[in-house]
């Protein structure tokens, strides 16, 4: 009995040691869904709603495995979308204005693999993220010389993640992942503008491929 326990402990230690030396670099494509925002100016009266449709983005990741159960991931991704501004004055709907959304997200998240071995390895995780370099660009929002872009607030925030790793070979992994990032941004606007902040809260769904070394 003691011998079996000893052998089990040795196997666990060897497995942890093996994973401690394992790293993985990957690339992925993503699609994101976003929260919508609404504001009302009762003095006009004017109501505006911003909704954002997903556009394809991309990113790169690096994983370091501490053990068969735990890993830390560092990733950077571009999040893109198409924003639609709908407005109404005294209940009369005006034509929608379109804009493109482009921002960067860099994050670090700890992963816990619920099933640490096998071809299918589901995980859950949490971490911190920095979202910045964001802009809303529209040909409809005019400045004195043409199109104008609205800058978004840079912010550090939290995220929650989950996904499944599919082992194609000892070196190659395909990953399907979801990541929710809490993000409300102040806008680079004037006091007379209707919107001064927007809720984004991107839920990013990604598919990628990784190489272990």
N, C-alpha and C. Protein backbone atom coordinates (compact mmCIF):
# COMPACT_ATOMS: atom_id res chain seq x y z
N UNK A 1 0.84 -1.20 0.00
CA UNK A 1 0.00 0.00 0.00
C UNK A 1 0.87 1.26 0.00
N UNK A 2 1.89 1.24 0.88
CA UNK A 2 2.79 2.40 0.94
C UNK A 2 3.55 2.56 -0.37
N UNK A 3 3.90 1.40 -0.96
CA UNK A 3 4.64 1.46 -2.22
C UNK A 3 3.78 2.09 -3.31
N UNK A 4 2.49 1.72 -3.35
CA UNK A 4 1.60 2.31 -4.35
C UNK A 4 1.45 3.81 -4.15
N UNK A 5 1.33 4.22 -2.88
CA UNK A 5 1.24 5.65 -2.60
C UNK A 5 2.52 6.37 -3.04
N UNK A 6 3.66 5.74 -2.77
CA UNK A 6 4.94 6.33 -3.16
C UNK A 6 5.03 6.48 -4.67
N UNK A 7 4.63 5.41 -5.40
CA UNK A 7 4.68 5.46 -6.87
C UNK A 7 3.74 6.55 -7.39
N UNK A 8 2.56 6.66 -6.80
CA UNK A 8 1.61 7.69 -7.23
C UNK A 8 2.18 9.09 -7.03
N UNK A 9 2.83 9.31 -5.89
CA UNK A 9 3.44 10.61 -5.63
C UNK A 9 4.56 10.91 -6.62
N UNK A 10 5.36 9.90 -6.94
CA UNK A 10 6.44 10.11 -7.91
C UNK A 10 5.88 10.48 -9.28
N UNK A 11 4.79 9.77 -9.70
CA UNK A 11 4.17 10.08 -10.99
C UNK A 11 3.63 11.50 -11.00
N UNK A 12 2.98 11.92 -9.91
CA UNK A 12 2.46 13.29 -9.84
C UNK A 12 3.57 14.32 -9.91
N UNK A 13 4.67 14.07 -9.21
CA UNK A 13 5.80 15.00 -9.22
C UNK A 13 6.43 15.08 -10.60
N UNK A 14 6.56 13.92 -11.26
CA UNK A 14 7.13 13.93 -12.61
C UNK A 14 6.23 14.66 -13.59
N UNK A 15 4.91 14.46 -13.44
CA UNK A 15 3.96 15.16 -14.31
C UNK A 15 4.03 16.66 -14.10
N UNK A 16 4.08 17.09 -12.83
CA UNK A 16 4.18 18.52 -12.53
C UNK A 16 5.47 19.10 -13.08
N UNK A 17 6.57 18.32 -12.95
CA UNK A 17 7.85 18.78 -13.46
C UNK A 17 7.82 18.92 -14.97
N UNK A 18 7.17 17.94 -15.63
CA UNK A 18 7.06 18.00 -17.10
C UNK A 18 6.29 19.23 -17.54
N UNK A 19 5.14 19.49 -16.91
CA UNK A 19 4.33 20.64 -17.28
C UNK A 19 5.01 21.95 -16.92
N UNK A 20 5.80 21.94 -15.84
CA UNK A 20 6.49 23.16 -15.45
C UNK A 20 7.46 23.62 -16.52
N UNK A 21 7.90 22.68 -17.38
CA UNK A 21 8.82 23.02 -18.45
C UNK A 21 8.09 23.27 -19.76
N UNK A 22 6.75 23.28 -19.74
CA UNK A 22 5.96 23.38 -20.96
C UNK A 22 5.48 24.81 -21.18
N UNK A 23 5.70 25.31 -22.38
CA UNK A 23 5.18 26.60 -22.81
C UNK A 23 4.40 26.39 -24.10
N UNK A 24 3.59 27.35 -24.43
CA UNK A 24 2.80 27.26 -25.66
C UNK A 24 2.59 28.65 -26.23
N UNK A 25 2.82 28.78 -27.51
CA UNK A 25 2.54 30.04 -28.20
C UNK A 25 1.44 29.78 -29.22
N UNK A 26 0.52 30.73 -29.34
CA UNK A 26 -0.61 30.50 -30.22
C UNK A 26 -1.08 31.76 -30.93
N UNK A 27 -1.88 31.56 -31.96
CA UNK A 27 -2.53 32.65 -32.67
C UNK A 27 -4.02 32.31 -32.76
N UNK A 28 -4.86 33.34 -32.87
CA UNK A 28 -6.30 33.09 -32.89
C UNK A 28 -7.03 34.21 -33.62
N UNK A 29 -8.26 33.90 -34.02
CA UNK A 29 -9.19 34.89 -34.55
C UNK A 29 -10.35 35.00 -33.58
N UNK A 30 -11.02 36.15 -33.56
CA UNK A 30 -12.08 36.35 -32.58
C UNK A 30 -13.27 37.09 -33.17
N UNK A 31 -14.39 36.94 -32.49
CA UNK A 31 -15.60 37.75 -32.70
C UNK A 31 -16.09 38.17 -31.33
N UNK A 32 -16.59 39.39 -31.21
CA UNK A 32 -17.01 39.90 -29.91
C UNK A 32 -18.44 40.41 -29.96
N UNK A 33 -19.16 40.20 -28.87
CA UNK A 33 -20.46 40.84 -28.67
C UNK A 33 -20.30 41.91 -27.60
N UNK A 34 -21.13 42.96 -27.67
CA UNK A 34 -20.95 44.12 -26.81
C UNK A 34 -22.27 44.52 -26.16
N UNK A 35 -22.14 45.24 -25.04
CA UNK A 35 -23.31 45.84 -24.41
C UNK A 35 -23.76 47.05 -25.23
N UNK A 36 -25.02 47.42 -25.11
CA UNK A 36 -25.52 48.63 -25.76
C UNK A 36 -25.66 49.74 -24.72
N UNK A 37 -25.66 50.98 -25.18
CA UNK A 37 -25.75 52.15 -24.29
C UNK A 37 -26.86 53.08 -24.79
N UNK A 38 -27.58 53.67 -23.84
CA UNK A 38 -28.65 54.63 -24.18
C UNK A 38 -28.54 55.86 -23.29
N UNK A 39 -28.82 57.03 -23.87
CA UNK A 39 -28.84 58.29 -23.13
C UNK A 39 -30.01 59.13 -23.62
N UNK A 40 -30.54 59.97 -22.72
CA UNK A 40 -31.65 60.85 -23.06
C UNK A 40 -31.37 62.27 -22.56
N UNK A 41 -31.60 63.24 -23.43
CA UNK A 41 -31.53 64.65 -23.06
C UNK A 41 -32.96 65.19 -23.05
N UNK A 42 -33.59 65.32 -21.87
CA UNK A 42 -35.00 65.69 -21.80
C UNK A 42 -35.29 67.12 -22.24
N UNK A 43 -34.28 67.97 -22.33
CA UNK A 43 -34.52 69.36 -22.69
C UNK A 43 -34.83 69.52 -24.18
N UNK A 44 -34.52 68.53 -25.02
CA UNK A 44 -34.72 68.71 -26.46
C UNK A 44 -36.09 68.25 -26.96
N UNK A 45 -36.64 67.06 -26.65
CA UNK A 45 -36.03 65.88 -26.04
C UNK A 45 -35.34 65.01 -27.09
N UNK A 46 -34.16 64.48 -26.74
CA UNK A 46 -33.34 63.69 -27.66
C UNK A 46 -32.93 62.39 -26.97
N UNK A 47 -33.10 61.28 -27.65
CA UNK A 47 -32.69 59.97 -27.13
C UNK A 47 -31.74 59.32 -28.13
N UNK A 48 -30.66 58.77 -27.60
CA UNK A 48 -29.69 58.09 -28.45
C UNK A 48 -29.36 56.70 -27.92
N UNK A 49 -29.16 55.76 -28.83
CA UNK A 49 -28.78 54.39 -28.48
C UNK A 49 -27.63 53.95 -29.35
N UNK A 50 -26.59 53.41 -28.72
CA UNK A 50 -25.44 52.89 -29.45
C UNK A 50 -25.43 51.38 -29.33
N UNK A 51 -25.48 50.69 -30.47
CA UNK A 51 -25.36 49.24 -30.53
C UNK A 51 -24.15 48.88 -31.39
N UNK A 52 -23.47 47.81 -31.03
CA UNK A 52 -22.24 47.44 -31.73
C UNK A 52 -22.34 46.02 -32.24
N UNK A 53 -22.14 45.85 -33.53
CA UNK A 53 -22.08 44.52 -34.16
C UNK A 53 -20.63 44.08 -34.28
N UNK A 54 -20.42 42.78 -34.21
CA UNK A 54 -19.07 42.24 -34.21
C UNK A 54 -18.43 42.28 -35.60
N UNK A 55 -17.13 42.49 -35.61
CA UNK A 55 -16.30 42.28 -36.79
C UNK A 55 -15.13 41.39 -36.36
N UNK A 56 -14.55 40.68 -37.30
CA UNK A 56 -13.47 39.75 -36.96
C UNK A 56 -12.23 40.48 -36.47
N UNK A 57 -11.63 39.94 -35.41
CA UNK A 57 -10.36 40.44 -34.90
C UNK A 57 -9.34 39.31 -34.84
N UNK A 58 -8.23 39.57 -34.20
CA UNK A 58 -7.15 38.57 -34.17
C UNK A 58 -6.27 38.82 -32.95
N UNK A 59 -5.43 37.83 -32.63
CA UNK A 59 -4.56 37.99 -31.48
C UNK A 59 -3.49 36.93 -31.40
N UNK A 60 -2.65 37.05 -30.37
CA UNK A 60 -1.56 36.12 -30.12
C UNK A 60 -1.51 35.85 -28.62
N UNK A 61 -1.09 34.64 -28.25
CA UNK A 61 -1.08 34.27 -26.84
C UNK A 61 0.17 33.49 -26.49
N UNK A 62 0.51 33.50 -25.19
CA UNK A 62 1.62 32.71 -24.65
C UNK A 62 1.15 32.08 -23.35
N UNK A 63 1.25 30.77 -23.25
CA UNK A 63 0.86 30.05 -22.04
C UNK A 63 2.08 29.43 -21.38
N UNK A 64 2.11 29.48 -20.05
CA UNK A 64 3.11 28.75 -19.27
C UNK A 64 2.38 27.85 -18.29
N UNK A 65 2.68 26.54 -18.35
CA UNK A 65 2.02 25.55 -17.50
C UNK A 65 2.85 25.31 -16.25
N UNK A 66 2.23 25.61 -15.09
CA UNK A 66 2.88 25.32 -13.81
C UNK A 66 2.74 23.85 -13.44
N UNK A 67 1.62 23.25 -13.82
CA UNK A 67 1.33 21.85 -13.54
C UNK A 67 0.29 21.40 -14.55
N UNK A 68 -0.20 20.16 -14.38
CA UNK A 68 -1.23 19.68 -15.30
C UNK A 68 -2.55 20.42 -15.11
N UNK A 69 -2.76 21.03 -13.94
CA UNK A 69 -4.02 21.71 -13.64
C UNK A 69 -3.98 23.21 -13.87
N UNK A 70 -2.80 23.83 -13.75
CA UNK A 70 -2.74 25.29 -13.74
C UNK A 70 -1.78 25.83 -14.80
N UNK A 71 -2.21 26.94 -15.41
CA UNK A 71 -1.39 27.64 -16.38
C UNK A 71 -1.71 29.12 -16.30
N UNK A 72 -0.77 29.93 -16.75
CA UNK A 72 -1.02 31.36 -16.88
C UNK A 72 -0.90 31.73 -18.35
N UNK A 73 -1.84 32.55 -18.80
CA UNK A 73 -1.82 32.98 -20.20
C UNK A 73 -1.64 34.49 -20.29
N UNK A 74 -0.75 34.91 -21.18
CA UNK A 74 -0.59 36.31 -21.55
C UNK A 74 -1.04 36.43 -23.01
N UNK A 75 -1.91 37.39 -23.28
CA UNK A 75 -2.41 37.52 -24.65
C UNK A 75 -2.61 38.98 -25.02
N UNK A 76 -2.59 39.21 -26.31
CA UNK A 76 -2.90 40.52 -26.87
C UNK A 76 -3.82 40.33 -28.06
N UNK A 77 -4.86 41.15 -28.16
CA UNK A 77 -5.79 40.99 -29.25
C UNK A 77 -6.35 42.33 -29.71
N UNK A 78 -6.76 42.36 -30.96
CA UNK A 78 -7.47 43.49 -31.53
C UNK A 78 -8.96 43.16 -31.50
N UNK A 79 -9.76 44.06 -30.93
CA UNK A 79 -11.21 43.90 -30.86
C UNK A 79 -11.84 44.91 -31.81
N UNK A 80 -12.69 44.43 -32.71
CA UNK A 80 -13.26 45.30 -33.73
C UNK A 80 -14.78 45.14 -33.77
N UNK A 81 -15.45 46.19 -34.20
CA UNK A 81 -16.89 46.14 -34.32
C UNK A 81 -17.41 47.27 -35.19
N UNK A 82 -18.70 47.20 -35.47
CA UNK A 82 -19.38 48.25 -36.22
C UNK A 82 -20.45 48.84 -35.32
N UNK A 83 -20.29 50.11 -34.97
CA UNK A 83 -21.22 50.79 -34.07
C UNK A 83 -22.32 51.48 -34.87
N UNK A 84 -23.55 51.39 -34.33
CA UNK A 84 -24.71 52.04 -34.95
C UNK A 84 -25.35 52.97 -33.92
N UNK A 85 -25.41 54.25 -34.27
CA UNK A 85 -26.03 55.25 -33.40
C UNK A 85 -27.42 55.56 -33.91
N UNK A 86 -28.43 55.20 -33.12
CA UNK A 86 -29.80 55.53 -33.45
C UNK A 86 -30.30 56.67 -32.57
N UNK A 87 -30.90 57.69 -33.15
CA UNK A 87 -31.39 58.84 -32.38
C UNK A 87 -32.84 59.11 -32.73
N UNK A 88 -33.54 59.68 -31.77
CA UNK A 88 -34.93 60.10 -32.00
C UNK A 88 -35.15 61.42 -31.28
N UNK A 89 -35.88 62.34 -31.92
CA UNK A 89 -36.22 63.64 -31.37
C UNK A 89 -37.74 63.71 -31.26
N UNK A 90 -38.20 63.88 -30.02
CA UNK A 90 -39.65 63.94 -29.76
C UNK A 90 -40.37 62.73 -30.34
N UNK A 91 -39.72 61.57 -30.25
CA UNK A 91 -40.33 60.34 -30.73
C UNK A 91 -40.17 60.06 -32.20
N UNK A 92 -39.53 60.97 -32.95
CA UNK A 92 -39.31 60.78 -34.39
C UNK A 92 -37.91 60.22 -34.60
N UNK A 93 -37.83 59.04 -35.22
CA UNK A 93 -36.53 58.41 -35.45
C UNK A 93 -35.78 59.09 -36.58
N UNK A 94 -34.50 59.34 -36.35
CA UNK A 94 -33.62 59.92 -37.36
C UNK A 94 -32.80 58.82 -38.01
N UNK A 95 -32.21 59.07 -39.18
CA UNK A 95 -31.36 58.05 -39.82
C UNK A 95 -30.20 57.65 -38.91
N UNK A 96 -29.84 56.36 -38.96
CA UNK A 96 -28.74 55.86 -38.14
C UNK A 96 -27.40 56.35 -38.67
N UNK A 97 -26.46 56.54 -37.75
CA UNK A 97 -25.09 56.87 -38.11
C UNK A 97 -24.21 55.66 -37.76
N UNK A 98 -23.28 55.33 -38.64
CA UNK A 98 -22.39 54.18 -38.45
C UNK A 98 -20.99 54.64 -38.09
N UNK A 99 -20.30 53.80 -37.35
CA UNK A 99 -18.91 54.06 -37.00
C UNK A 99 -18.20 52.73 -36.84
N UNK A 100 -16.89 52.72 -37.00
CA UNK A 100 -16.09 51.52 -36.77
C UNK A 100 -15.40 51.61 -35.42
N UNK A 101 -15.37 50.48 -34.71
CA UNK A 101 -14.72 50.38 -33.41
C UNK A 101 -13.44 49.58 -33.56
N UNK A 102 -12.37 50.10 -33.00
CA UNK A 102 -11.08 49.40 -33.04
C UNK A 102 -10.36 49.68 -31.73
N UNK A 103 -10.02 48.61 -30.97
CA UNK A 103 -9.28 48.80 -29.72
C UNK A 103 -8.41 47.58 -29.44
N UNK A 104 -7.44 47.77 -28.56
CA UNK A 104 -6.49 46.72 -28.20
C UNK A 104 -6.74 46.26 -26.77
N UNK A 105 -6.54 44.96 -26.56
CA UNK A 105 -6.64 44.40 -25.21
C UNK A 105 -5.41 43.53 -24.94
N UNK A 106 -4.77 43.78 -23.80
CA UNK A 106 -3.64 42.98 -23.34
C UNK A 106 -3.99 42.47 -21.94
N UNK A 107 -3.82 41.17 -21.71
CA UNK A 107 -4.27 40.64 -20.43
C UNK A 107 -3.41 39.48 -19.95
N UNK A 108 -3.59 39.17 -18.67
CA UNK A 108 -2.96 38.00 -18.04
C UNK A 108 -4.04 37.29 -17.24
N UNK A 109 -4.16 35.98 -17.42
CA UNK A 109 -5.22 35.23 -16.76
C UNK A 109 -4.70 33.88 -16.28
N UNK A 110 -5.11 33.49 -15.09
CA UNK A 110 -4.77 32.17 -14.55
C UNK A 110 -5.84 31.18 -14.98
N UNK A 111 -5.41 30.04 -15.52
CA UNK A 111 -6.32 28.99 -15.96
C UNK A 111 -6.27 27.81 -15.00
N UNK A 112 -7.45 27.26 -14.71
CA UNK A 112 -7.55 26.01 -13.96
C UNK A 112 -8.23 24.98 -14.86
N UNK A 113 -7.49 23.91 -15.16
CA UNK A 113 -8.01 22.86 -16.02
C UNK A 113 -8.83 21.88 -15.19
N UNK A 114 -10.13 21.86 -15.46
CA UNK A 114 -11.05 21.01 -14.71
C UNK A 114 -10.73 19.54 -14.94
N UNK A 115 -10.43 19.19 -16.19
CA UNK A 115 -9.96 17.84 -16.54
C UNK A 115 -8.52 18.01 -17.04
N UNK A 116 -7.52 17.67 -16.23
CA UNK A 116 -6.14 18.03 -16.56
C UNK A 116 -5.47 17.16 -17.62
N UNK A 117 -6.07 16.00 -17.96
CA UNK A 117 -5.42 15.12 -18.92
C UNK A 117 -6.43 14.65 -19.95
N UNK A 118 -5.92 14.15 -21.06
CA UNK A 118 -6.79 13.67 -22.13
C UNK A 118 -6.78 14.60 -23.33
N UNK A 119 -7.53 14.21 -24.35
CA UNK A 119 -7.56 15.00 -25.59
C UNK A 119 -8.41 16.26 -25.45
N UNK A 120 -9.40 16.24 -24.53
CA UNK A 120 -10.28 17.40 -24.33
C UNK A 120 -10.05 17.90 -22.91
N UNK A 121 -9.58 19.15 -22.78
CA UNK A 121 -9.23 19.68 -21.48
C UNK A 121 -9.95 21.01 -21.25
N UNK A 122 -11.15 20.99 -20.65
CA UNK A 122 -11.87 22.24 -20.35
C UNK A 122 -11.21 22.99 -19.20
N UNK A 123 -11.33 24.32 -19.25
CA UNK A 123 -10.73 25.15 -18.21
C UNK A 123 -11.62 26.35 -17.91
N UNK A 124 -11.42 26.92 -16.74
CA UNK A 124 -12.00 28.21 -16.37
C UNK A 124 -10.86 29.09 -15.86
N UNK A 125 -11.06 30.40 -15.89
CA UNK A 125 -9.98 31.28 -15.47
C UNK A 125 -10.45 32.69 -15.19
N UNK A 126 -9.55 33.49 -14.66
CA UNK A 126 -9.81 34.89 -14.36
C UNK A 126 -8.49 35.64 -14.37
N UNK A 127 -8.57 36.97 -14.56
CA UNK A 127 -7.34 37.74 -14.58
C UNK A 127 -7.60 39.22 -14.71
N UNK A 128 -6.58 39.93 -15.15
CA UNK A 128 -6.66 41.38 -15.33
C UNK A 128 -6.37 41.72 -16.79
N UNK A 129 -6.93 42.85 -17.23
CA UNK A 129 -6.77 43.26 -18.62
C UNK A 129 -6.56 44.75 -18.70
N UNK A 130 -5.83 45.16 -19.71
CA UNK A 130 -5.69 46.58 -20.06
C UNK A 130 -6.28 46.75 -21.44
N UNK A 131 -7.27 47.64 -21.56
CA UNK A 131 -7.87 47.97 -22.85
C UNK A 131 -7.53 49.41 -23.19
N UNK A 132 -7.02 49.64 -24.38
CA UNK A 132 -6.61 50.99 -24.75
C UNK A 132 -6.48 51.16 -26.25
N UNK A 133 -5.99 52.34 -26.63
CA UNK A 133 -5.82 52.72 -28.03
C UNK A 133 -7.12 52.61 -28.80
N UNK A 134 -8.25 52.76 -28.09
CA UNK A 134 -9.54 52.58 -28.72
C UNK A 134 -10.05 53.84 -29.40
N UNK A 135 -10.71 53.65 -30.55
CA UNK A 135 -11.28 54.79 -31.28
C UNK A 135 -12.59 54.37 -31.94
N UNK A 136 -13.51 55.31 -32.01
CA UNK A 136 -14.71 55.19 -32.84
C UNK A 136 -14.52 56.15 -34.01
N UNK A 137 -14.54 55.61 -35.22
CA UNK A 137 -14.32 56.43 -36.41
C UNK A 137 -15.56 56.42 -37.28
N UNK A 138 -15.99 57.61 -37.68
CA UNK A 138 -17.22 57.70 -38.49
C UNK A 138 -17.11 58.82 -39.50
N UNK A 139 -17.61 58.57 -40.71
CA UNK A 139 -17.69 59.63 -41.73
C UNK A 139 -18.87 60.55 -41.48
N UNK A 140 -19.78 60.12 -40.60
CA UNK A 140 -20.98 60.93 -40.33
C UNK A 140 -20.69 62.00 -39.29
N UNK A 141 -19.82 61.66 -38.30
CA UNK A 141 -19.46 62.65 -37.28
C UNK A 141 -18.45 63.59 -37.91
N UNK A 142 -18.88 64.79 -38.24
CA UNK A 142 -18.05 65.69 -39.02
C UNK A 142 -17.28 66.68 -38.14
N UNK A 143 -16.06 66.94 -38.57
CA UNK A 143 -15.30 68.06 -38.03
C UNK A 143 -15.21 69.11 -39.14
N UNK A 144 -14.34 70.09 -38.97
CA UNK A 144 -14.26 71.14 -39.96
C UNK A 144 -13.76 70.67 -41.31
N UNK A 145 -13.00 69.56 -41.31
CA UNK A 145 -12.39 69.13 -42.57
C UNK A 145 -12.83 67.74 -43.00
N UNK A 146 -13.74 67.10 -42.28
CA UNK A 146 -14.15 65.76 -42.72
C UNK A 146 -14.43 64.84 -41.56
N UNK A 147 -13.99 63.57 -41.71
CA UNK A 147 -14.31 62.55 -40.72
C UNK A 147 -13.59 62.82 -39.40
N UNK A 148 -14.25 62.42 -38.32
CA UNK A 148 -13.71 62.62 -36.97
C UNK A 148 -13.66 61.30 -36.25
N UNK A 149 -12.64 61.10 -35.40
CA UNK A 149 -12.57 59.92 -34.56
C UNK A 149 -12.70 60.34 -33.11
N UNK A 150 -13.39 59.51 -32.33
CA UNK A 150 -13.59 59.77 -30.91
C UNK A 150 -12.72 58.80 -30.13
N UNK A 151 -11.84 59.32 -29.28
CA UNK A 151 -10.96 58.47 -28.49
C UNK A 151 -11.68 57.87 -27.29
N UNK A 152 -11.30 56.63 -26.95
CA UNK A 152 -11.88 55.93 -25.82
C UNK A 152 -10.87 55.87 -24.68
N UNK A 153 -11.39 55.79 -23.47
CA UNK A 153 -10.56 55.79 -22.28
C UNK A 153 -9.73 54.51 -22.17
N UNK A 154 -8.45 54.65 -21.83
CA UNK A 154 -7.61 53.51 -21.50
C UNK A 154 -7.92 53.07 -20.07
N UNK A 155 -8.05 51.77 -19.85
CA UNK A 155 -8.47 51.33 -18.52
C UNK A 155 -7.92 49.93 -18.21
N UNK A 156 -7.57 49.73 -16.94
CA UNK A 156 -7.23 48.40 -16.41
C UNK A 156 -8.45 47.85 -15.70
N UNK A 157 -8.80 46.60 -15.97
CA UNK A 157 -10.04 46.03 -15.45
C UNK A 157 -9.87 44.54 -15.23
N UNK A 158 -10.98 43.82 -14.98
CA UNK A 158 -10.93 42.39 -14.72
C UNK A 158 -11.60 41.62 -15.84
N UNK A 159 -11.29 40.33 -15.91
CA UNK A 159 -11.88 39.46 -16.91
C UNK A 159 -12.16 38.09 -16.34
N UNK A 160 -13.09 37.38 -16.97
CA UNK A 160 -13.37 35.98 -16.67
C UNK A 160 -13.29 35.20 -17.99
N UNK A 161 -12.79 33.96 -17.91
CA UNK A 161 -12.54 33.21 -19.14
C UNK A 161 -12.90 31.74 -18.96
N UNK A 162 -13.07 31.07 -20.09
CA UNK A 162 -13.32 29.63 -20.09
C UNK A 162 -13.15 29.10 -21.49
N UNK A 163 -12.89 27.80 -21.61
CA UNK A 163 -12.72 27.23 -22.93
C UNK A 163 -12.35 25.76 -22.87
N UNK A 164 -12.00 25.23 -24.03
CA UNK A 164 -11.60 23.84 -24.16
C UNK A 164 -10.37 23.76 -25.06
N UNK A 165 -9.36 23.02 -24.60
CA UNK A 165 -8.20 22.71 -25.42
C UNK A 165 -8.37 21.32 -26.04
N UNK A 166 -8.17 21.22 -27.35
CA UNK A 166 -8.21 19.94 -28.04
C UNK A 166 -6.80 19.59 -28.48
N UNK A 167 -6.26 18.49 -27.99
CA UNK A 167 -4.89 18.08 -28.33
C UNK A 167 -4.90 17.32 -29.65
N UNK A 168 -4.30 17.91 -30.67
CA UNK A 168 -4.16 17.26 -31.97
C UNK A 168 -2.96 16.33 -31.96
N UNK A 169 -1.89 16.76 -31.28
CA UNK A 169 -0.67 15.98 -31.13
C UNK A 169 0.00 16.46 -29.85
N UNK A 170 1.09 15.83 -29.41
CA UNK A 170 1.77 16.32 -28.21
C UNK A 170 2.21 17.78 -28.31
N UNK A 171 2.40 18.28 -29.53
CA UNK A 171 2.86 19.66 -29.71
C UNK A 171 1.77 20.63 -30.14
N UNK A 172 0.73 20.15 -30.79
CA UNK A 172 -0.26 21.04 -31.41
C UNK A 172 -1.59 20.95 -30.67
N UNK A 173 -2.16 22.14 -30.36
CA UNK A 173 -3.43 22.23 -29.65
C UNK A 173 -4.35 23.21 -30.38
N UNK A 174 -5.61 22.83 -30.50
CA UNK A 174 -6.65 23.74 -30.99
C UNK A 174 -7.50 24.17 -29.80
N UNK A 175 -7.76 25.47 -29.69
CA UNK A 175 -8.48 26.01 -28.54
C UNK A 175 -9.73 26.76 -28.98
N UNK A 176 -10.84 26.49 -28.31
CA UNK A 176 -12.06 27.29 -28.42
C UNK A 176 -12.24 27.98 -27.08
N UNK A 177 -12.32 29.31 -27.07
CA UNK A 177 -12.29 30.05 -25.81
C UNK A 177 -13.28 31.20 -25.81
N UNK A 178 -13.75 31.51 -24.62
CA UNK A 178 -14.59 32.67 -24.40
C UNK A 178 -13.99 33.54 -23.30
N UNK A 179 -14.11 34.86 -23.47
CA UNK A 179 -13.51 35.79 -22.50
C UNK A 179 -14.43 37.00 -22.33
N UNK A 180 -14.84 37.27 -21.10
CA UNK A 180 -15.66 38.44 -20.79
C UNK A 180 -14.78 39.46 -20.08
N UNK A 181 -14.77 40.69 -20.59
CA UNK A 181 -13.97 41.76 -19.99
C UNK A 181 -14.89 42.91 -19.61
N UNK A 182 -14.84 43.33 -18.36
CA UNK A 182 -15.67 44.43 -17.88
C UNK A 182 -15.03 45.76 -18.29
N UNK A 183 -15.72 46.51 -19.14
CA UNK A 183 -15.12 47.74 -19.67
C UNK A 183 -16.19 48.76 -20.04
N UNK A 184 -16.22 49.86 -19.29
CA UNK A 184 -17.00 51.05 -19.63
C UNK A 184 -16.02 52.20 -19.81
N UNK A 185 -16.10 52.88 -20.94
CA UNK A 185 -15.10 53.89 -21.29
C UNK A 185 -15.70 55.28 -21.31
N UNK A 186 -14.96 56.23 -20.74
CA UNK A 186 -15.29 57.64 -20.94
C UNK A 186 -14.86 58.05 -22.34
N UNK A 187 -15.66 58.89 -22.98
CA UNK A 187 -15.39 59.32 -24.33
C UNK A 187 -14.69 60.67 -24.36
N UNK A 188 -13.86 60.86 -25.36
CA UNK A 188 -13.20 62.15 -25.58
C UNK A 188 -14.18 63.05 -26.32
N UNK A 189 -15.20 63.55 -25.58
CA UNK A 189 -16.25 64.38 -26.17
C UNK A 189 -16.37 65.70 -25.42
N UNK A 190 -17.28 66.55 -25.86
CA UNK A 190 -17.49 67.85 -25.24
C UNK A 190 -18.72 67.78 -24.32
N UNK A 191 -18.89 68.74 -23.40
CA UNK A 191 -20.05 68.71 -22.50
C UNK A 191 -21.39 68.76 -23.23
N UNK A 192 -21.42 69.31 -24.46
CA UNK A 192 -22.68 69.40 -25.20
C UNK A 192 -23.07 68.09 -25.89
N UNK A 193 -22.14 67.13 -25.95
CA UNK A 193 -22.45 65.86 -26.61
C UNK A 193 -23.37 65.02 -25.74
N UNK A 194 -24.19 64.18 -26.39
CA UNK A 194 -25.16 63.35 -25.67
C UNK A 194 -24.48 62.26 -24.86
N UNK A 195 -23.48 61.60 -25.47
CA UNK A 195 -22.79 60.50 -24.81
C UNK A 195 -21.45 60.95 -24.23
N UNK A 196 -21.23 60.63 -22.96
CA UNK A 196 -19.94 60.91 -22.32
C UNK A 196 -19.23 59.63 -21.91
N UNK A 197 -19.94 58.52 -21.90
CA UNK A 197 -19.32 57.22 -21.68
C UNK A 197 -20.17 56.15 -22.38
N UNK A 198 -19.54 55.03 -22.67
CA UNK A 198 -20.20 53.92 -23.33
C UNK A 198 -19.86 52.62 -22.63
N UNK A 199 -20.84 51.73 -22.52
CA UNK A 199 -20.60 50.39 -22.01
C UNK A 199 -20.21 49.49 -23.19
N UNK A 200 -19.08 48.81 -23.06
CA UNK A 200 -18.66 47.88 -24.10
C UNK A 200 -18.73 46.43 -23.59
N UNK A 201 -18.09 46.14 -22.48
CA UNK A 201 -18.11 44.79 -21.87
C UNK A 201 -17.98 43.70 -22.93
N UNK A 202 -16.88 43.68 -23.68
CA UNK A 202 -16.78 42.71 -24.77
C UNK A 202 -16.75 41.26 -24.29
N UNK A 203 -17.58 40.43 -24.90
CA UNK A 203 -17.54 38.98 -24.72
C UNK A 203 -16.92 38.42 -26.00
N UNK A 204 -15.68 37.99 -25.89
CA UNK A 204 -14.92 37.58 -27.06
C UNK A 204 -14.92 36.06 -27.19
N UNK A 205 -15.33 35.57 -28.35
CA UNK A 205 -15.26 34.14 -28.67
C UNK A 205 -14.13 33.96 -29.68
N UNK A 206 -13.20 33.06 -29.35
CA UNK A 206 -12.00 32.92 -30.18
C UNK A 206 -11.75 31.46 -30.52
N UNK A 207 -11.15 31.24 -31.68
CA UNK A 207 -10.67 29.92 -32.10
C UNK A 207 -9.22 30.08 -32.51
N UNK A 208 -8.37 29.21 -31.98
CA UNK A 208 -6.95 29.37 -32.28
C UNK A 208 -6.20 28.06 -32.30
N UNK A 209 -4.93 28.16 -32.66
CA UNK A 209 -4.05 27.01 -32.70
C UNK A 209 -2.77 27.35 -31.95
N UNK A 210 -2.29 26.39 -31.16
CA UNK A 210 -1.10 26.62 -30.36
C UNK A 210 -0.05 25.55 -30.59
N UNK A 211 1.21 25.94 -30.33
CA UNK A 211 2.36 25.01 -30.47
C UNK A 211 3.10 24.96 -29.15
N UNK A 212 3.22 23.77 -28.59
CA UNK A 212 3.91 23.58 -27.31
C UNK A 212 5.39 23.29 -27.53
N UNK A 213 6.20 23.80 -26.60
CA UNK A 213 7.65 23.56 -26.70
C UNK A 213 8.24 23.54 -25.29
